[in-house]
Amino acid sequence: MAPKIGPETMLAEWLFVETVADVRRRSEDPGGRSRYELLGIAPLLRKLLIDARPLLNTVRAVRPEVPTEFRIKQWTAPLVGRDDADLPYLLRLGGPELVGGPEDPALPKLKHFIGATVGQVQGRALTVLEVVKYYANVDGGVHFGVPKDEPDHVLGKVAPLLLGHSTGQIEILAHLGTIVVDALTPLRDSIIASPSIDTRMHRRTDRGLYAGHWTADHYKDVSERR
């Protein structure tokens, strides 16, 4: 049975487009962003991918034909010299090398992407899900809370040491954001080109836009930036 398209669907599509745009903005030039700006990526990714009802799944339900391909180069431990083999690394996180290109294989399923390895904490793999949840739920992206899981405790120990000195660790959110934006852009473009409408309210104008629809404001903003 096809999903029912109603006000919730239209609101979800608007929120999806705006959220993807916000992730894109915050993920550009991560070295030039403040730690606070980068931290703001975490709740956006949580909303899109991880919440009990991820926004991605809500929007994709009425557009199952549009691909969402996550191209990530999963983190692997670097080769070390003999003298470094026994160093007790507390935490390692991937950097810009995580971002895959068109030539790299894609992960078509969301569960595979959020389960992808992006680092290592005390010798065990650290996943996309764990990184996003830590920065959103513990470090202040959404909540400022008490660490519950082992990765949260380790990340919580490292984060205060970096305040005022570096955004190196938290920049991983920008790299994950870039991957997510690339994956969700086809869905975003599909919404802009053919949004869900209420036929009682929205009529096409001579320019092919829907009068009174939020996408009309989107096209207005785009034309003003040109």
Protein backbone atom coordinates (compact mmCIF):
# COMPACT_ATOMS: atom_id res chain seq x y z
CA MET A 1 0.00 0.00 0.00
CA ALA A 2 1.36 3.40 -0.96
CA PRO A 3 1.99 5.75 1.97
CA LYS A 4 -0.58 8.47 2.53
CA ILE A 5 0.60 11.92 1.51
CA GLY A 6 -0.68 14.62 3.82
CA PRO A 7 0.42 17.67 5.80
CA GLU A 8 3.04 15.65 7.69
CA THR A 9 4.69 14.62 4.42
CA MET A 10 4.85 18.20 3.15
CA LEU A 11 6.30 19.39 6.46
CA ALA A 12 8.83 16.54 6.46
CA GLU A 13 9.97 17.43 2.94
CA TRP A 14 10.46 21.08 3.87
CA LEU A 15 12.38 20.13 7.01
CA PHE A 16 14.48 17.62 5.07
CA VAL A 17 15.53 20.16 2.44
CA GLU A 18 16.39 22.78 5.07
CA THR A 19 18.30 20.27 7.22
CA VAL A 20 20.40 19.04 4.31
CA ALA A 21 21.22 22.66 3.43
CA ASP A 22 22.25 23.34 7.04
CA VAL A 23 24.49 20.27 7.13
CA ARG A 24 26.06 21.35 3.83
CA ARG A 25 26.82 24.84 5.15
CA ARG A 26 28.32 23.65 8.42
CA SER A 27 30.40 20.95 6.72
CA GLU A 28 32.15 23.30 4.30
CA ASP A 29 35.68 24.34 5.28
CA PRO A 30 35.65 22.55 8.66
CA GLY A 31 39.05 23.98 9.58
CA GLY A 32 37.54 27.46 9.43
CA ARG A 33 34.53 26.63 11.61
CA SER A 34 34.23 27.07 15.34
CA ARG A 35 33.81 24.03 17.54
CA TYR A 36 30.25 25.18 18.28
CA GLU A 37 29.34 25.31 14.58
CA LEU A 38 30.74 21.83 14.05
CA LEU A 39 28.95 20.50 17.12
CA GLY A 40 25.69 21.67 15.54
CA ILE A 41 26.10 19.06 12.80
CA ALA A 42 25.48 16.23 15.28
CA PRO A 43 21.80 16.94 16.04
CA LEU A 44 21.13 17.46 12.33
CA LEU A 45 22.61 14.06 11.49
CA ARG A 46 20.73 12.50 14.38
CA LYS A 47 17.46 13.95 13.09
CA LEU A 48 18.13 12.79 9.54
CA LEU A 49 19.50 9.32 10.23
CA ILE A 50 19.23 8.07 13.79
CA ASP A 51 16.09 9.23 15.62
CA ALA A 52 13.35 6.67 16.27
CA ARG A 53 11.70 7.94 13.08
CA PRO A 54 14.61 9.22 10.98
CA LEU A 55 13.59 12.09 8.75
CA LEU A 56 15.27 10.34 5.83
CA ASN A 57 12.96 7.33 6.15
CA THR A 58 9.86 9.52 6.42
CA VAL A 59 10.71 11.36 3.22
CA ARG A 60 11.98 8.35 1.33
CA ALA A 61 8.78 6.40 1.98
CA VAL A 62 6.99 8.36 -0.77
CA ARG A 63 10.03 8.39 -3.10
CA PRO A 64 11.43 4.84 -2.93
CA GLU A 65 12.76 5.08 -6.47
CA VAL A 66 15.28 7.80 -5.59
CA PRO A 67 18.68 6.32 -4.63
CA THR A 68 20.49 7.25 -1.43
CA GLU A 69 24.06 6.03 -1.74
CA PHE A 70 26.47 6.63 1.12
CA ARG A 71 30.04 6.63 -0.19
CA ILE A 72 32.37 6.28 2.77
CA LYS A 73 35.89 4.93 2.95
CA GLN A 74 35.76 3.09 6.23
CA TRP A 75 38.57 3.78 8.66
CA THR A 76 41.37 1.28 9.01
CA ALA A 77 44.22 1.40 11.48
CA PRO A 78 47.35 2.86 9.86
CA LEU A 79 50.42 0.73 9.49
CA VAL A 80 52.84 1.36 12.31
CA GLY A 81 56.52 0.83 12.67
CA ARG A 82 57.93 -1.73 15.03
CA ASP A 83 58.65 0.93 17.64
CA ASP A 84 55.01 2.13 17.56
CA ALA A 85 53.31 -1.25 17.62
CA ASP A 86 52.57 -1.25 21.35
CA LEU A 87 51.60 2.41 21.80
CA PRO A 88 48.36 2.56 23.84
CA TYR A 89 46.29 4.85 21.62
CA LEU A 90 43.20 6.02 23.51
CA LEU A 91 41.30 7.39 20.53
CA ARG A 92 41.72 7.60 16.78
CA LEU A 93 39.22 9.22 14.44
CA GLY A 94 39.14 9.37 10.67
CA GLY A 95 39.56 12.62 8.75
CA PRO A 96 38.77 13.85 5.24
CA GLU A 97 39.94 10.52 3.85
CA LEU A 98 36.60 9.06 5.01
CA VAL A 99 34.77 10.94 2.24
CA GLY A 100 34.31 8.68 -0.76
CA GLY A 101 34.07 9.73 -4.39
CA PRO A 102 31.92 8.62 -7.33
CA GLU A 103 34.38 5.83 -8.05
CA ASP A 104 34.00 4.28 -4.59
CA PRO A 105 31.42 1.59 -3.80
CA ALA A 106 28.27 2.86 -2.13
CA LEU A 107 26.41 1.66 0.94
CA PRO A 108 22.76 1.78 -0.17
CA LYS A 109 21.28 0.97 3.23
CA LEU A 110 21.20 3.44 6.10
CA LYS A 111 21.95 0.74 8.68
CA HIS A 112 25.20 -0.08 6.90
CA PHE A 113 26.30 3.55 6.86
CA ILE A 114 25.63 4.26 10.53
CA GLY A 115 27.41 1.00 11.35
CA ALA A 116 30.49 1.92 9.30
CA THR A 117 33.82 2.17 11.12
CA VAL A 118 35.21 5.70 11.39
CA GLY A 119 37.79 5.30 14.12
CA GLN A 120 39.00 3.35 17.08
CA VAL A 121 38.56 3.80 20.81
CA GLN A 122 40.69 1.79 23.22
CA GLY A 123 41.29 -0.85 20.59
CA ARG A 124 37.68 -1.32 19.41
CA ALA A 125 35.97 0.01 16.31
CA LEU A 126 34.05 3.27 16.59
CA THR A 127 31.03 3.66 14.30
CA VAL A 128 29.19 6.56 12.68
CA LEU A 129 26.27 5.92 15.04
CA GLU A 130 28.45 6.12 18.16
CA VAL A 131 30.18 9.33 17.07
CA VAL A 132 26.95 11.13 16.20
CA LYS A 133 25.17 9.99 19.36
CA TYR A 134 28.06 11.09 21.56
CA TYR A 135 28.27 14.60 20.14
CA ALA A 136 24.47 14.95 20.08
CA ASN A 137 23.52 13.35 23.38
CA VAL A 138 26.54 13.83 25.65
CA ASP A 139 28.74 16.65 24.36
CA GLY A 140 25.96 19.22 24.03
CA GLY A 141 24.68 19.01 20.45
CA VAL A 142 21.19 18.34 21.83
CA HIS A 143 21.76 17.33 25.43
CA PHE A 144 24.66 17.81 27.80
CA GLY A 145 24.58 14.48 29.54
CA VAL A 146 26.42 11.82 31.47
CA PRO A 147 28.29 9.28 29.32
CA LYS A 148 26.58 5.89 29.35
CA ASP A 149 28.66 3.72 27.04
CA GLU A 150 32.39 3.03 26.93
CA PRO A 151 33.01 5.11 23.76
CA ASP A 152 31.17 8.04 25.37
CA HIS A 153 33.44 7.91 28.41
CA VAL A 154 36.61 7.95 26.28
CA LEU A 155 35.39 10.74 24.00
CA GLY A 156 34.26 12.65 27.07
CA LYS A 157 37.77 12.50 28.52
CA VAL A 158 39.39 13.78 25.33
CA ALA A 159 36.96 16.60 24.42
CA PRO A 160 37.77 19.01 27.30
CA LEU A 161 41.48 18.78 26.51
CA LEU A 162 40.81 20.17 23.02
CA LEU A 163 38.70 23.18 24.00
CA GLY A 164 40.41 26.33 22.82
CA HIS A 165 43.21 24.40 21.16
CA SER A 166 41.86 22.40 18.24
CA THR A 167 38.75 21.32 16.37
CA GLY A 168 40.64 18.32 15.00
CA GLN A 169 38.57 15.58 16.61
CA ILE A 170 35.14 17.12 16.16
CA GLU A 171 35.86 17.89 12.50
CA ILE A 172 34.86 14.28 11.85
CA LEU A 173 31.26 15.54 12.00
CA ALA A 174 31.93 17.75 8.97
CA HIS A 175 33.38 14.83 7.03
CA LEU A 176 30.38 12.67 7.90
CA GLY A 177 28.16 15.61 6.97
CA THR A 178 29.76 15.82 3.54
CA ILE A 179 29.08 12.12 2.95
CA VAL A 180 25.47 12.50 4.05
CA VAL A 181 24.85 15.58 1.88
CA ASP A 182 26.25 13.78 -1.16
CA ALA A 183 24.00 10.79 -0.46
CA LEU A 184 20.85 12.80 0.14
CA THR A 185 21.19 15.38 -2.65
CA PRO A 186 19.30 13.25 -5.23
CA LEU A 187 16.38 12.99 -2.80
CA ARG A 188 16.57 16.69 -2.04
CA ASP A 189 16.58 17.52 -5.77
CA SER A 190 13.59 15.23 -6.33
CA ILE A 191 11.62 17.07 -3.65
CA ILE A 192 12.44 20.50 -5.09
CA ALA A 193 11.53 19.40 -8.62
CA SER A 194 8.31 17.61 -7.66
CA PRO A 195 7.20 18.38 -4.10
CA SER A 196 4.24 16.89 -2.32
CA ILE A 197 1.31 19.29 -2.61
CA ASP A 198 -2.26 19.75 -1.48
CA THR A 199 -4.24 20.05 -4.72
CA ARG A 200 -6.88 22.12 -2.92
CA MET A 201 -4.34 24.82 -2.11
CA HIS A 202 -1.46 24.69 -4.56
CA ARG A 203 -1.77 25.55 -8.25
CA ARG A 204 1.01 25.85 -10.79
CA THR A 205 1.91 29.35 -11.91
CA ASP A 206 3.00 30.37 -15.39
CA ARG A 207 6.59 29.81 -14.22
CA GLY A 208 5.84 26.22 -13.28
CA LEU A 209 5.97 26.87 -9.53
CA TYR A 210 3.30 26.11 -6.97
CA ALA A 211 1.73 29.30 -5.62
CA GLY A 212 1.63 29.36 -1.84
CA HIS A 213 3.99 26.39 -1.53
CA TRP A 214 7.26 26.55 0.39
CA THR A 215 9.23 25.63 -2.75
CA ALA A 216 8.22 28.97 -4.29
CA ASP A 217 10.23 30.70 -1.56
CA HIS A 218 13.11 28.33 -2.27
CA TYR A 219 13.25 29.30 -5.94
CA LYS A 220 12.96 32.97 -4.98
CA ASP A 221 15.98 32.63 -2.68
CA VAL A 222 17.97 30.87 -5.40
CA SER A 223 17.18 33.54 -8.01
CA GLU A 224 18.14 36.34 -5.60
CA ARG A 225 21.55 34.74 -4.97
CA ARG A 226 22.38 34.66 -8.68
